[in-house]
Amino acid sequence: MTLFLVNFLTILSLFFSLFFLTNCGRKNRSLFSFPTEKVEKINTLDLPSVRCLHVERVAITNIISWQPVTSPKDTVTLVGYEVYRLNQQGFIARSPLNDVFLTVCEFVDQHTVNDHLAYVVRAVFKKNDSLKRGPVSQVVAAQ
């Protein structure tokens, strides 16, 4: 008899828990509101890279120039460019040579101690108040 009573109470408690967890047949309300707009993610490789990079040695400075980049989509705008110098091992530096984004397609590197320096340039884009850096350009060395 006690086994029957325990089984009955177990089944009864499961029934009531399922009944109350399903809101008694009422429509579920949303506790959180999520944005309904479509979120478009941008991959770095979808952005254009800087092309036709050229370095010219003038006296003790290197003048780096390139062709302008156009924004690939209406929702993405070009903010500027970043210029990087490669170190002796051939790795790209963590921080760019320029402190602010360049809006022109030219940069003058005046701190050239070595004749054989290499550079890369990358474009920086903006979408929905977030910055996205494009792929790096080809490596070009001063001659």
Protein backbone atom coordinates (compact mmCIF):
# COMPACT_ATOMS: atom_id res chain seq x y z
CA MET A 1 0.00 0.00 0.00
CA THR A 2 2.81 2.41 0.85
CA LEU A 3 4.54 1.63 -2.45
CA PHE A 4 1.33 2.43 -4.29
CA LEU A 5 0.98 5.69 -2.37
CA VAL A 6 4.60 6.71 -3.14
CA ASN A 7 4.14 5.99 -6.86
CA PHE A 8 0.85 7.86 -6.91
CA LEU A 9 2.37 10.92 -5.21
CA THR A 10 5.34 10.87 -7.59
CA ILE A 11 3.09 10.78 -10.63
CA LEU A 12 0.87 13.47 -9.16
CA SER A 13 3.84 15.78 -8.46
CA LEU A 14 5.15 15.30 -12.02
CA PHE A 15 1.72 16.13 -13.43
CA PHE A 16 1.43 19.33 -11.41
CA SER A 17 4.99 20.42 -12.18
CA LEU A 18 4.41 19.95 -15.91
CA PHE A 19 1.06 21.71 -15.66
CA PHE A 20 2.53 24.78 -13.99
CA LEU A 21 5.70 24.87 -16.11
CA THR A 22 3.64 25.13 -19.28
CA ASN A 23 1.79 28.23 -17.98
CA CYS A 24 -1.57 26.46 -17.77
CA GLY A 25 -2.11 26.58 -21.50
CA ARG A 26 -1.59 30.35 -21.77
CA LYS A 27 0.60 31.96 -24.39
CA ASN A 28 4.18 32.45 -23.20
CA ARG A 29 5.33 36.02 -22.70
CA SER A 30 8.77 37.12 -23.76
CA LEU A 31 10.82 38.32 -20.83
CA PHE A 32 13.50 39.90 -23.03
CA SER A 33 13.17 41.97 -26.17
CA PHE A 34 15.68 41.11 -28.86
CA PRO A 35 16.41 43.33 -31.86
CA THR A 36 14.54 42.27 -34.94
CA GLU A 37 16.97 43.83 -37.40
CA LYS A 38 19.36 41.56 -39.22
CA VAL A 39 22.92 41.68 -37.90
CA GLU A 40 25.43 41.59 -40.71
CA LYS A 41 28.86 40.32 -39.77
CA ILE A 42 31.87 41.44 -41.75
CA ASN A 43 34.81 39.19 -42.37
CA THR A 44 38.23 40.81 -42.70
CA LEU A 45 38.77 39.03 -46.01
CA ASP A 46 35.57 40.58 -47.41
CA LEU A 47 37.15 44.02 -47.12
CA PRO A 48 39.48 45.30 -49.85
CA SER A 49 43.22 45.46 -49.30
CA VAL A 50 45.53 48.31 -50.20
CA ARG A 51 47.05 47.90 -53.67
CA CYS A 52 49.97 49.31 -55.64
CA LEU A 53 52.12 50.02 -52.60
CA HIS A 54 55.32 51.85 -53.46
CA VAL A 55 58.28 53.03 -51.36
CA GLU A 56 60.66 55.70 -52.54
CA ARG A 57 63.87 56.53 -50.72
CA VAL A 58 64.51 60.30 -50.57
CA ALA A 59 67.61 61.38 -48.63
CA ILE A 60 67.14 59.83 -45.17
CA THR A 61 63.35 59.34 -45.40
CA ASN A 62 61.10 56.75 -47.01
CA ILE A 63 57.93 57.92 -48.77
CA ILE A 64 55.27 55.20 -48.86
CA SER A 65 52.37 55.69 -51.29
CA TRP A 66 49.44 53.55 -52.49
CA GLN A 67 46.19 53.69 -54.45
CA PRO A 68 43.02 54.75 -52.60
CA VAL A 69 40.63 52.04 -51.40
CA THR A 70 36.87 52.25 -51.91
CA SER A 71 34.31 50.97 -49.41
CA PRO A 72 32.84 47.62 -50.50
CA LYS A 73 29.27 48.26 -49.21
CA ASP A 74 27.04 51.19 -48.34
CA THR A 75 27.00 50.19 -44.68
CA VAL A 76 30.80 50.23 -44.39
CA THR A 77 32.77 53.48 -44.61
CA LEU A 78 36.50 53.99 -44.99
CA VAL A 79 38.01 55.69 -41.93
CA GLY A 80 41.65 55.80 -42.99
CA TYR A 81 44.87 53.85 -43.31
CA GLU A 82 47.51 52.41 -40.98
CA VAL A 83 51.17 51.99 -41.98
CA TYR A 84 53.32 49.30 -40.36
CA ARG A 85 57.06 48.72 -40.53
CA LEU A 86 58.38 45.15 -40.48
CA ASN A 87 61.01 44.36 -37.86
CA GLN A 88 64.36 42.68 -38.51
CA GLN A 89 62.81 39.19 -38.31
CA GLY A 90 60.20 40.11 -40.93
CA PHE A 91 57.21 40.36 -38.56
CA ILE A 92 54.68 43.19 -38.67
CA ALA A 93 54.82 45.49 -35.65
CA ARG A 94 51.88 45.46 -33.23
CA SER A 95 51.25 49.18 -33.49
CA PRO A 96 51.22 51.30 -36.64
CA LEU A 97 53.72 54.07 -37.38
CA ASN A 98 50.97 56.69 -37.59
CA ASP A 99 49.20 57.87 -34.42
CA VAL A 100 45.95 58.83 -36.18
CA PHE A 101 44.31 57.27 -39.22
CA LEU A 102 45.73 58.62 -42.46
CA THR A 103 43.18 60.07 -44.87
CA VAL A 104 45.72 60.58 -47.66
CA CYS A 105 47.47 57.82 -49.59
CA GLU A 106 50.98 58.77 -48.57
CA PHE A 107 53.16 58.50 -45.47
CA VAL A 108 56.68 59.79 -44.80
CA ASP A 109 58.81 57.65 -42.50
CA GLN A 110 61.51 59.94 -41.14
CA HIS A 111 62.97 57.55 -38.58
CA THR A 112 64.87 55.37 -41.01
CA VAL A 113 68.18 54.24 -39.60
CA ASN A 114 68.42 51.23 -41.85
CA ASP A 115 68.38 51.33 -45.65
CA HIS A 116 66.54 48.03 -46.01
CA LEU A 117 63.14 48.60 -44.42
CA ALA A 118 59.88 46.92 -45.42
CA TYR A 119 56.33 48.22 -44.99
CA VAL A 120 52.69 47.12 -45.20
CA VAL A 121 49.52 49.22 -45.18
CA ARG A 122 45.99 48.30 -44.17
CA ALA A 123 42.71 50.14 -44.56
CA VAL A 124 40.43 50.71 -41.56
CA PHE A 125 36.66 50.66 -42.00
CA LYS A 126 33.75 51.61 -39.76
CA LYS A 127 30.39 49.88 -39.43
CA ASN A 128 27.85 50.65 -36.70
CA ASP A 129 30.36 52.51 -34.51
CA SER A 130 32.88 49.65 -34.56
CA LEU A 131 36.18 49.65 -36.39
CA LYS A 132 37.24 46.77 -38.64
CA ARG A 133 40.71 46.52 -40.11
CA GLY A 134 41.08 45.16 -43.62
CA PRO A 135 43.72 42.70 -44.76
CA VAL A 136 47.32 43.88 -44.97
CA SER A 137 48.80 44.87 -48.30
CA GLN A 138 51.71 43.17 -49.98
CA VAL A 139 55.09 43.74 -48.35
CA VAL A 140 57.19 46.35 -50.10
CA ALA A 141 60.80 47.21 -49.27
CA ALA A 142 62.71 50.46 -49.67
CA GLN A 143 65.34 50.35 -52.38
